[in-house]
Amino acid sequence: MSCWLAEKSHYIGAATLKGQLYQVSYYPALVAGNEWVLGDVYACPSDVWPHLDIFEEAVGLEPEYERHLTPILLATGQWLSAWVYWYQQPTTSLKPVVGGDWLTFVNVT
């Protein structure tokens, strides 16, 4: 999936959005919140999204994630709307990712 996606997408840059990250397992969960969460933005053609929805488990009757257009702030200072996968399950038993940077969190813990 990652090689195919790399061929289909174009890196736009780093960005932040308002939310809260949690550690589900080896992957993060983004939910509504007031913390700045760091991520990367890619431009993808529309035929990629159905494949990403399956990969991100954003399909079915009770999906783990849902994809929504979300305001994000690029590192350049430009605001835009981007598709973001939001976690749909309870977070009560999950560990918060303090600081909103998943890659730093997994490299420290």
C-alpha atoms as a PDB file:
ATOM      1  CA  MET A   1       0.000   0.000   0.000  1.00  0.00           C
ATOM      2  CA  SER A   2       2.723   2.514   0.909  1.00  0.00           C
ATOM      3  CA  CYS A   3       4.625   2.241  -2.420  1.00  0.00           C
ATOM      4  CA  TRP A   4       1.407   2.496  -4.425  1.00  0.00           C
ATOM      5  CA  LEU A   5       0.294   5.479  -2.358  1.00  0.00           C
ATOM      6  CA  ALA A   6       3.668   7.187  -2.744  1.00  0.00           C
ATOM      7  CA  GLU A   7       3.361   6.898  -6.520  1.00  0.00           C
ATOM      8  CA  LYS A   8      -0.178   8.347  -6.480  1.00  0.00           C
ATOM      9  CA  SER A   9       0.273  11.191  -3.994  1.00  0.00           C
ATOM     10  CA  HIS A  10       2.224  14.419  -3.784  1.00  0.00           C
ATOM     11  CA  TYR A  11       3.650  15.768  -0.504  1.00  0.00           C
ATOM     12  CA  ILE A  12       2.322  19.247   0.312  1.00  0.00           C
ATOM     13  CA  GLY A  13       4.000  19.819   3.684  1.00  0.00           C
ATOM     14  CA  ALA A  14       3.703  19.743   7.446  1.00  0.00           C
ATOM     15  CA  ALA A  15       0.520  21.049   9.043  1.00  0.00           C
ATOM     16  CA  THR A  16      -1.329  21.297  12.332  1.00  0.00           C
ATOM     17  CA  LEU A  17      -4.957  21.057  13.332  1.00  0.00           C
ATOM     18  CA  LYS A  18      -6.958  21.317  16.535  1.00  0.00           C
ATOM     19  CA  GLY A  19      -7.669  17.972  18.167  1.00  0.00           C
ATOM     20  CA  GLN A  20      -6.315  15.415  20.613  1.00  0.00           C
ATOM     21  CA  LEU A  21      -4.235  12.337  19.851  1.00  0.00           C
ATOM     22  CA  TYR A  22      -4.369   9.029  21.691  1.00  0.00           C
ATOM     23  CA  GLN A  23      -2.345   5.845  21.350  1.00  0.00           C
ATOM     24  CA  VAL A  24      -4.584   2.980  20.222  1.00  0.00           C
ATOM     25  CA  SER A  25      -1.753   0.471  19.692  1.00  0.00           C
ATOM     26  CA  TYR A  26       1.019   0.990  17.150  1.00  0.00           C
ATOM     27  CA  TYR A  27      -1.103   3.739  15.581  1.00  0.00           C
ATOM     28  CA  PRO A  28      -2.726   6.997  16.762  1.00  0.00           C
ATOM     29  CA  ALA A  29      -6.341   8.070  17.176  1.00  0.00           C
ATOM     30  CA  LEU A  30      -7.370  11.665  16.463  1.00  0.00           C
ATOM     31  CA  VAL A  31     -10.451  13.027  18.202  1.00  0.00           C
ATOM     32  CA  ALA A  32     -11.891  16.493  18.802  1.00  0.00           C
ATOM     33  CA  GLY A  33      -9.869  18.612  21.215  1.00  0.00           C
ATOM     34  CA  ASN A  34      -8.068  21.898  21.742  1.00  0.00           C
ATOM     35  CA  GLU A  35      -4.457  20.790  21.355  1.00  0.00           C
ATOM     36  CA  TRP A  36      -2.443  21.475  18.213  1.00  0.00           C
ATOM     37  CA  VAL A  37      -1.777  18.149  16.499  1.00  0.00           C
ATOM     38  CA  LEU A  38       1.089  17.830  14.018  1.00  0.00           C
ATOM     39  CA  GLY A  39       0.813  15.910  10.752  1.00  0.00           C
ATOM     40  CA  ASP A  40       1.681  15.838   7.069  1.00  0.00           C
ATOM     41  CA  VAL A  41      -0.496  16.764   4.103  1.00  0.00           C
ATOM     42  CA  TYR A  42      -0.538  14.938   0.775  1.00  0.00           C
ATOM     43  CA  ALA A  43      -2.492  15.669  -2.391  1.00  0.00           C
ATOM     44  CA  CYS A  44      -4.174  12.515  -3.708  1.00  0.00           C
ATOM     45  CA  PRO A  45      -6.374  11.908  -6.736  1.00  0.00           C
ATOM     46  CA  SER A  46      -9.976  10.976  -5.999  1.00  0.00           C
ATOM     47  CA  ASP A  47      -9.484   7.328  -6.990  1.00  0.00           C
ATOM     48  CA  VAL A  48      -7.129   6.856  -4.007  1.00  0.00           C
ATOM     49  CA  TRP A  49      -9.702   7.692  -1.319  1.00  0.00           C
ATOM     50  CA  PRO A  50     -11.761   4.480  -1.459  1.00  0.00           C
ATOM     51  CA  HIS A  51      -8.538   2.485  -0.935  1.00  0.00           C
ATOM     52  CA  LEU A  52      -7.461   4.708   1.952  1.00  0.00           C
ATOM     53  CA  ASP A  53     -10.924   4.421   3.524  1.00  0.00           C
ATOM     54  CA  ILE A  54     -10.560   0.627   3.571  1.00  0.00           C
ATOM     55  CA  PHE A  55      -6.987   0.811   4.907  1.00  0.00           C
ATOM     56  CA  GLU A  56      -8.024   3.263   7.652  1.00  0.00           C
ATOM     57  CA  GLU A  57     -11.061   1.114   8.533  1.00  0.00           C
ATOM     58  CA  ALA A  58     -13.421   3.969   7.658  1.00  0.00           C
ATOM     59  CA  VAL A  59     -16.033   1.714   6.056  1.00  0.00           C
ATOM     60  CA  GLY A  60     -18.784  -0.540   7.358  1.00  0.00           C
ATOM     61  CA  LEU A  61     -21.524  -0.184   9.956  1.00  0.00           C
ATOM     62  CA  GLU A  62     -19.244   0.746  12.868  1.00  0.00           C
ATOM     63  CA  PRO A  63     -16.058   2.155  11.351  1.00  0.00           C
ATOM     64  CA  GLU A  64     -13.013   2.821  13.505  1.00  0.00           C
ATOM     65  CA  TYR A  65     -12.474   6.132  11.686  1.00  0.00           C
ATOM     66  CA  GLU A  66     -14.512   8.584   9.619  1.00  0.00           C
ATOM     67  CA  ARG A  67     -13.033  10.905   7.002  1.00  0.00           C
ATOM     68  CA  HIS A  68     -14.093  14.564   7.199  1.00  0.00           C
ATOM     69  CA  LEU A  69     -12.982  17.797   5.567  1.00  0.00           C
ATOM     70  CA  THR A  70     -11.157  19.649   8.330  1.00  0.00           C
ATOM     71  CA  PRO A  71      -9.483  23.074   8.581  1.00  0.00           C
ATOM     72  CA  ILE A  72      -5.713  22.655   8.808  1.00  0.00           C
ATOM     73  CA  LEU A  73      -2.878  25.143   9.101  1.00  0.00           C
ATOM     74  CA  LEU A  74       0.095  24.498   6.818  1.00  0.00           C
ATOM     75  CA  ALA A  75       3.573  25.277   8.152  1.00  0.00           C
ATOM     76  CA  THR A  76       3.639  28.081   5.550  1.00  0.00           C
ATOM     77  CA  GLY A  77       0.824  29.839   7.442  1.00  0.00           C
ATOM     78  CA  GLN A  78      -1.865  29.033   4.867  1.00  0.00           C
ATOM     79  CA  TRP A  79      -5.215  27.610   6.031  1.00  0.00           C
ATOM     80  CA  LEU A  80      -6.978  25.030   3.895  1.00  0.00           C
ATOM     81  CA  SER A  81      -9.491  22.202   4.176  1.00  0.00           C
ATOM     82  CA  ALA A  82      -8.118  18.669   4.033  1.00  0.00           C
ATOM     83  CA  TRP A  83      -9.532  15.175   4.412  1.00  0.00           C
ATOM     84  CA  VAL A  84      -8.716  13.920   7.916  1.00  0.00           C
ATOM     85  CA  TYR A  85      -9.503  10.559   9.518  1.00  0.00           C
ATOM     86  CA  TRP A  86     -11.214  11.028  12.912  1.00  0.00           C
ATOM     87  CA  TYR A  87     -11.360   8.175  15.440  1.00  0.00           C
ATOM     88  CA  GLN A  88     -14.919   7.000  16.222  1.00  0.00           C
ATOM     89  CA  GLN A  89     -14.379   4.698  19.220  1.00  0.00           C
ATOM     90  CA  PRO A  90     -14.212   5.528  22.962  1.00  0.00           C
ATOM     91  CA  THR A  91     -10.861   6.870  24.164  1.00  0.00           C
ATOM     92  CA  THR A  92     -11.357   6.340  27.913  1.00  0.00           C
ATOM     93  CA  SER A  93      -8.814   3.501  28.106  1.00  0.00           C
ATOM     94  CA  LEU A  94      -6.318   5.039  25.664  1.00  0.00           C
ATOM     95  CA  LYS A  95      -3.093   6.864  26.537  1.00  0.00           C
ATOM     96  CA  PRO A  96      -3.056  10.566  25.509  1.00  0.00           C
ATOM     97  CA  VAL A  97      -0.270  11.686  23.171  1.00  0.00           C
ATOM     98  CA  VAL A  98       0.951  14.760  25.042  1.00  0.00           C
ATOM     99  CA  GLY A  99       2.248  17.459  22.701  1.00  0.00           C
ATOM    100  CA  GLY A 100       0.253  16.294  19.666  1.00  0.00           C
ATOM    101  CA  ASP A 101       3.236  14.837  17.774  1.00  0.00           C
ATOM    102  CA  TRP A 102       2.806  11.096  17.156  1.00  0.00           C
ATOM    103  CA  LEU A 103       6.303  10.511  15.743  1.00  0.00           C
ATOM    104  CA  THR A 104       8.012  12.150  18.721  1.00  0.00           C
ATOM    105  CA  PHE A 105       5.734  10.229  21.093  1.00  0.00           C
ATOM    106  CA  VAL A 106       6.506   6.797  19.614  1.00  0.00           C
ATOM    107  CA  ASN A 107      10.237   7.521  19.496  1.00  0.00           C
ATOM    108  CA  VAL A 108      10.284   8.508  23.189  1.00  0.00           C
ATOM    109  CA  THR A 109       7.988   5.827  24.663  1.00  0.00           C
END
